[in-house]
Amino acid sequence: MSSDRAEVGAGVENEDLSGRTILVTGATDGIGRETALALGRLGAHVLIHGRSSAKGEELLDALSETDADGADLFLTDFASQEAVHDLAAEIVKKYDRLDCLVNNAGGLFTDGCLTEDGIEQTFAVNHLAPFSLTVDLYPLLKETDGRVVTVSSDAHHGTSMNFEGLRTIESYSGWSAYSRSKLANVLFTYELADRAETITANCLHPGAVPGSGFGRDLPAPIRASLSLLEACQSRFRGRSQKASSRVQRRRSISPPRPRSPTRPASISRTASAPGRLRRRMTSEPSGGFGT
């Protein structure tokens, strides 16, 4: 089995997900795509979300070549709250179980704009969409004692919640808006874990992922750092391949051990704040978590 596969790097390549239904949002590119493929290879029924029909169909074809217990595509624009609710309704109608929701979809937008709901686009896509989707799918997840995994970012450090800035693009900064949305992801995960007794809530920092295309809209210094990281990783892979060939000839040589990909990420002081701030982010949904 290739060591480049996500499930191998995470140390879960022997897990059997047969009979599990898992939804991955933002699955047609980058880490979302790799996540969907890894889940398929482990035998899950994978529900994939994206905006591009062509990329979605290509991923369905790739999943058909894995051990996936079926795969279905859903096309939804997460900038629209109505579209997000429609997606959830379709899933609730079509499936009688959901074991895991991976809230991966998101973006960093250079130019500011308001959505049809009057919300700043970054916050709408990166936080309100996964929030609404999680609330709407909660009954399905509760039936399976399921899990919600939300992709946040270390970008949540050094920012705070500016609620007044959620309905305006005056003095817009793409990086600031992105950081704020990622802080909201962490706050929401904490509150979800507190309220939803029957499901598990996790969030994560995926790390820098060179080649994913995500960094194209990052500030110039960060883009430069990613380019350097990509070059270093490429050089390291080349050296690793040479080292592997030497290992075959000289058993005394061992390749370097990678750092654990599952080590806990640090969180900011704001993200670990008591419930008052978190509850401003998570108004009680109809029916309520934990009821």
Protein backbone atom coordinates (compact mmCIF):
# COMPACT_ATOMS: atom_id res chain seq x y z
CA MET A 1 0.00 0.00 0.00
CA SER A 2 1.39 3.40 -0.99
CA SER A 3 2.70 5.47 1.92
CA ASP A 4 1.38 8.59 0.14
CA ARG A 5 -2.21 7.62 0.89
CA ALA A 6 -3.94 9.69 3.54
CA GLU A 7 -5.15 6.69 5.51
CA VAL A 8 -1.62 5.32 5.74
CA GLY A 9 -0.22 8.62 6.97
CA ALA A 10 -2.97 8.73 9.61
CA GLY A 11 -2.32 5.13 10.65
CA VAL A 12 -5.88 3.96 9.97
CA GLU A 13 -5.31 1.91 6.82
CA ASN A 14 -6.65 -1.24 8.54
CA GLU A 15 -9.94 0.33 9.62
CA ASP A 16 -13.10 -1.12 8.05
CA LEU A 17 -15.78 1.50 7.35
CA SER A 18 -18.19 -0.86 5.64
CA GLY A 19 -21.77 0.10 6.42
CA ARG A 20 -20.83 3.67 7.34
CA THR A 21 -22.22 6.67 5.46
CA ILE A 22 -20.00 9.76 5.45
CA LEU A 23 -20.56 13.19 3.90
CA VAL A 24 -17.51 15.21 2.85
CA THR A 25 -18.14 18.80 1.81
CA GLY A 26 -15.76 20.52 -0.57
CA ALA A 27 -14.76 17.07 -1.79
CA THR A 28 -13.88 17.76 -5.41
CA ASP A 29 -10.48 19.39 -4.76
CA GLY A 30 -7.50 19.29 -2.44
CA ILE A 31 -7.71 17.64 0.96
CA GLY A 32 -11.45 17.11 0.58
CA ARG A 33 -10.86 14.94 -2.47
CA GLU A 34 -8.09 12.97 -0.75
CA THR A 35 -10.33 12.49 2.29
CA ALA A 36 -13.17 11.16 0.15
CA LEU A 37 -10.86 8.75 -1.67
CA ALA A 38 -9.34 7.51 1.60
CA LEU A 39 -12.81 6.88 3.06
CA GLY A 40 -13.75 5.05 -0.12
CA ARG A 41 -10.70 2.81 0.10
CA LEU A 42 -11.73 1.97 3.67
CA GLY A 43 -15.15 0.82 2.46
CA ALA A 44 -17.47 3.69 3.40
CA HIS A 45 -20.46 4.91 1.45
CA VAL A 46 -19.16 8.35 0.53
CA LEU A 47 -21.41 11.35 -0.11
CA ILE A 48 -19.43 14.05 -1.88
CA HIS A 49 -20.31 17.72 -2.14
CA GLY A 50 -18.91 20.29 -4.53
CA ARG A 51 -19.81 23.01 -7.01
CA SER A 52 -18.30 21.60 -10.21
CA SER A 53 -20.24 18.87 -11.98
CA ALA A 54 -17.20 17.85 -14.05
CA LYS A 55 -14.92 17.51 -11.03
CA GLY A 56 -17.65 15.71 -9.13
CA GLU A 57 -18.17 13.16 -11.89
CA GLU A 58 -14.42 12.62 -12.13
CA LEU A 59 -14.29 11.92 -8.39
CA LEU A 60 -17.22 9.50 -8.66
CA ASP A 61 -15.26 7.61 -11.32
CA ALA A 62 -12.21 7.51 -9.05
CA LEU A 63 -14.30 6.28 -6.11
CA SER A 64 -15.77 3.52 -8.28
CA GLU A 65 -12.27 2.07 -8.49
CA THR A 66 -11.94 1.88 -4.69
CA ASP A 67 -13.69 -0.36 -2.16
CA ALA A 68 -16.33 2.31 -1.51
CA ASP A 69 -19.79 0.96 -0.71
CA GLY A 70 -21.30 3.44 -3.14
CA ALA A 71 -20.81 7.16 -3.76
CA ASP A 72 -23.21 10.00 -4.49
CA LEU A 73 -22.62 13.57 -5.68
CA PHE A 74 -24.39 16.71 -4.44
CA LEU A 75 -23.83 20.10 -6.08
CA THR A 76 -24.46 23.06 -3.78
CA ASP A 77 -23.30 26.67 -3.50
CA PHE A 78 -22.46 27.18 0.16
CA ALA A 79 -22.79 30.96 -0.20
CA SER A 80 -26.56 30.44 -0.12
CA GLN A 81 -28.27 29.45 3.11
CA GLU A 82 -31.30 28.26 1.17
CA ALA A 83 -29.10 25.96 -0.91
CA VAL A 84 -27.46 24.55 2.23
CA HIS A 85 -30.85 23.79 3.81
CA ASP A 86 -31.99 22.16 0.55
CA LEU A 87 -28.89 19.95 0.56
CA ALA A 88 -29.57 18.82 4.11
CA ALA A 89 -33.23 18.12 3.31
CA GLU A 90 -32.23 16.02 0.31
CA ILE A 91 -29.81 13.96 2.40
CA VAL A 92 -32.34 13.44 5.21
CA LYS A 93 -34.90 12.30 2.64
CA LYS A 94 -32.55 9.96 0.79
CA TYR A 95 -30.61 8.29 3.62
CA ASP A 96 -31.65 6.67 6.86
CA ARG A 97 -28.26 7.09 8.50
CA LEU A 98 -25.25 9.40 8.58
CA ASP A 99 -22.23 8.35 10.58
CA CYS A 100 -19.94 11.30 9.98
CA LEU A 101 -20.08 14.81 8.55
CA VAL A 102 -16.77 16.28 7.40
CA ASN A 103 -17.18 20.06 7.14
CA ASN A 104 -14.29 20.69 4.78
CA ALA A 105 -15.66 23.18 2.23
CA GLY A 106 -14.31 26.69 2.54
CA GLY A 107 -12.37 29.41 0.83
CA LEU A 108 -10.28 32.52 1.10
CA PHE A 109 -11.59 35.33 -1.08
CA THR A 110 -9.45 38.25 -2.20
CA ASP A 111 -12.40 40.49 -3.01
CA GLY A 112 -15.13 41.12 -0.49
CA CYS A 113 -18.80 40.67 -1.33
CA LEU A 114 -22.10 40.07 0.40
CA THR A 115 -24.14 36.96 -0.28
CA GLU A 116 -27.80 36.91 -1.25
CA ASP A 117 -28.48 36.65 2.49
CA GLY A 118 -26.57 39.87 3.15
CA ILE A 119 -23.66 38.09 4.88
CA GLU A 120 -19.97 38.61 4.17
CA GLN A 121 -19.08 35.78 1.79
CA THR A 122 -16.14 34.24 3.69
CA PHE A 123 -18.13 33.95 6.91
CA ALA A 124 -21.16 32.62 5.04
CA VAL A 125 -19.24 29.87 3.25
CA ASN A 126 -16.73 28.94 5.94
CA HIS A 127 -18.91 29.11 9.03
CA LEU A 128 -22.64 29.64 8.47
CA ALA A 129 -22.85 26.90 5.84
CA PRO A 130 -21.29 24.14 7.97
CA PHE A 131 -23.18 25.42 11.01
CA SER A 132 -26.55 25.17 9.25
CA LEU A 133 -25.69 21.85 7.64
CA THR A 134 -24.69 20.38 11.00
CA VAL A 135 -27.87 21.60 12.68
CA ASP A 136 -30.09 20.25 9.91
CA LEU A 137 -28.33 16.86 9.82
CA TYR A 138 -28.12 16.52 13.59
CA PRO A 139 -31.11 14.13 13.85
CA LEU A 140 -29.42 11.69 11.43
CA LEU A 141 -26.07 11.98 13.19
CA LYS A 142 -27.68 11.50 16.60
CA GLU A 143 -29.19 8.18 15.52
CA THR A 144 -25.73 6.74 14.83
CA ASP A 145 -23.85 8.44 17.69
CA GLY A 146 -22.02 10.05 14.83
CA ARG A 147 -19.16 12.48 14.47
CA VAL A 148 -18.77 16.01 13.10
CA VAL A 149 -15.29 16.96 11.88
CA THR A 150 -14.78 20.61 10.94
CA VAL A 151 -11.67 21.77 9.11
CA SER A 152 -10.48 24.94 10.83
CA SER A 153 -6.99 26.47 10.64
CA ASP A 154 -4.14 27.85 12.71
CA ALA A 155 -5.20 31.11 11.08
CA HIS A 156 -7.68 31.49 13.94
CA HIS A 157 -4.80 32.65 16.14
CA GLY A 158 -4.41 36.39 16.57
CA THR A 159 -7.97 37.34 15.66
CA SER A 160 -11.23 38.03 17.46
CA MET A 161 -14.89 38.01 16.57
CA ASN A 162 -16.12 41.25 15.03
CA PHE A 163 -19.85 40.69 14.74
CA GLU A 164 -20.42 44.14 13.29
CA GLY A 165 -18.26 43.18 10.30
CA LEU A 166 -20.39 40.23 9.22
CA ARG A 167 -22.83 42.32 7.16
CA THR A 168 -20.43 44.74 5.53
CA ILE A 169 -17.39 44.62 3.26
CA GLU A 170 -16.14 48.06 4.20
CA SER A 171 -12.37 47.88 4.86
CA TYR A 172 -12.50 44.23 3.77
CA SER A 173 -9.40 42.07 4.23
CA GLY A 174 -9.51 38.55 2.83
CA TRP A 175 -7.04 37.19 5.36
CA SER A 176 -8.81 38.83 8.32
CA ALA A 177 -12.17 37.50 7.14
CA TYR A 178 -10.72 34.02 6.70
CA SER A 179 -9.10 34.05 10.15
CA ARG A 180 -12.36 35.18 11.74
CA SER A 181 -14.30 32.38 10.03
CA LYS A 182 -11.78 29.78 11.23
CA LEU A 183 -12.10 31.09 14.79
CA ALA A 184 -15.85 30.65 14.44
CA ASN A 185 -15.27 27.03 13.41
CA VAL A 186 -13.36 26.34 16.62
CA LEU A 187 -15.91 28.12 18.81
CA PHE A 188 -18.73 26.20 17.18
CA THR A 189 -16.94 22.88 17.71
CA TYR A 190 -16.52 23.59 21.42
CA GLU A 191 -20.17 24.51 21.81
CA LEU A 192 -21.34 21.53 19.77
CA ALA A 193 -19.26 19.20 21.95
CA ASP A 194 -20.84 20.74 25.05
CA ARG A 195 -24.43 20.51 23.85
CA ALA A 196 -24.59 17.37 21.73
CA GLU A 197 -24.20 14.50 24.16
CA THR A 198 -24.68 11.72 21.62
CA ILE A 199 -22.18 12.78 18.97
CA THR A 200 -18.47 13.57 18.87
CA ALA A 201 -17.30 16.98 17.64
CA ASN A 202 -13.77 17.63 16.41
CA CYS A 203 -12.01 20.39 14.53
CA LEU A 204 -8.53 20.41 13.06
CA HIS A 205 -5.74 22.38 11.45
CA PRO A 206 -4.88 20.54 8.20
CA GLY A 207 -1.40 22.01 7.95
CA ALA A 208 0.09 23.65 4.89
CA VAL A 209 -0.82 21.63 1.81
CA PRO A 210 1.40 22.65 -1.12
CA GLY A 211 -0.09 21.85 -4.51
CA SER A 212 -3.69 22.06 -3.28
CA GLY A 213 -4.22 25.45 -4.95
CA PHE A 214 -5.66 26.92 -1.78
CA GLY A 215 -2.73 29.24 -1.21
CA ARG A 216 -3.24 31.21 -4.41
CA ASP A 217 -5.29 33.83 -2.54
CA LEU A 218 -3.13 34.01 0.57
CA PRO A 219 -1.10 37.12 1.44
CA ALA A 220 2.22 37.29 -0.46
CA PRO A 221 4.49 36.39 2.51
CA ILE A 222 2.44 33.27 3.24
CA ARG A 223 2.37 32.29 -0.46
CA ALA A 224 6.15 32.58 -0.49
CA SER A 225 6.41 30.36 2.59
CA LEU A 226 4.19 27.75 0.97
CA SER A 227 6.28 27.81 -2.20
CA LEU A 228 9.40 27.27 -0.13
CA LEU A 229 7.72 24.44 1.76
CA GLU A 230 6.65 22.79 -1.49
CA ALA A 231 10.20 22.99 -2.82
CA CYS A 232 11.58 21.50 0.40
CA GLN A 233 9.04 18.68 0.35
CA SER A 234 9.85 17.91 -3.28
CA ARG A 235 13.55 17.81 -2.46
CA PHE A 236 12.89 15.65 0.60
CA ARG A 237 10.85 13.19 -1.47
CA GLY A 238 13.72 12.90 -3.92
CA ARG A 239 16.17 12.23 -1.13
CA SER A 240 13.76 9.74 0.47
CA GLN A 241 13.54 7.79 -2.80
CA LYS A 242 17.33 7.66 -2.99
CA ALA A 243 17.50 6.63 0.65
CA SER A 244 14.96 3.88 0.01
CA SER A 245 17.09 2.47 -2.79
CA ARG A 246 20.13 2.50 -0.49
CA VAL A 247 18.10 0.75 2.21
CA GLN A 248 17.51 -2.13 -0.15
CA ARG A 249 21.27 -2.48 -0.57
CA ARG A 250 22.32 -1.65 2.98
CA ARG A 251 19.89 -2.83 5.64
CA SER A 252 21.65 -0.77 8.30
CA ILE A 253 20.21 2.47 6.86
CA SER A 254 16.71 3.45 8.04
CA PRO A 255 14.57 6.23 6.56
CA PRO A 256 13.70 9.13 8.88
CA ARG A 257 10.54 8.70 10.96
CA PRO A 258 7.84 11.25 10.09
CA ARG A 259 6.28 13.46 12.72
CA SER A 260 2.88 12.33 13.94
CA PRO A 261 0.11 13.68 11.66
CA THR A 262 -2.42 13.37 14.49
CA ARG A 263 -0.75 15.47 17.20
CA PRO A 264 -3.08 18.01 18.85
CA ALA A 265 -2.99 21.50 17.37
CA SER A 266 -2.80 24.56 19.59
CA ILE A 267 -5.79 26.86 20.01
CA SER A 268 -5.93 30.57 20.70
CA ARG A 269 -7.06 32.09 23.99
CA THR A 270 -10.13 33.50 22.25
CA ALA A 271 -11.07 30.08 20.88
CA SER A 272 -10.90 28.54 24.34
CA ALA A 273 -13.01 31.31 25.87
CA PRO A 274 -15.91 30.45 28.20
CA GLY A 275 -19.38 29.89 26.87
CA ARG A 276 -20.57 33.51 26.60
CA LEU A 277 -18.69 34.23 23.36
CA ARG A 278 -19.31 30.75 21.98
CA ARG A 279 -23.05 31.04 22.52
CA ARG A 280 -23.13 34.29 20.55
CA MET A 281 -21.85 32.14 17.67
CA THR A 282 -24.38 29.34 18.13
CA SER A 283 -27.96 30.51 18.58
CA GLU A 284 -30.20 27.72 19.80
CA PRO A 285 -31.54 25.84 16.74
CA SER A 286 -35.09 24.64 16.50
CA GLY A 287 -35.21 21.43 18.50
CA GLY A 288 -31.83 22.27 20.01
CA PHE A 289 -28.69 20.19 20.25
CA GLY A 290 -28.97 17.53 22.89
CA THR A 291 -32.76 17.31 22.76
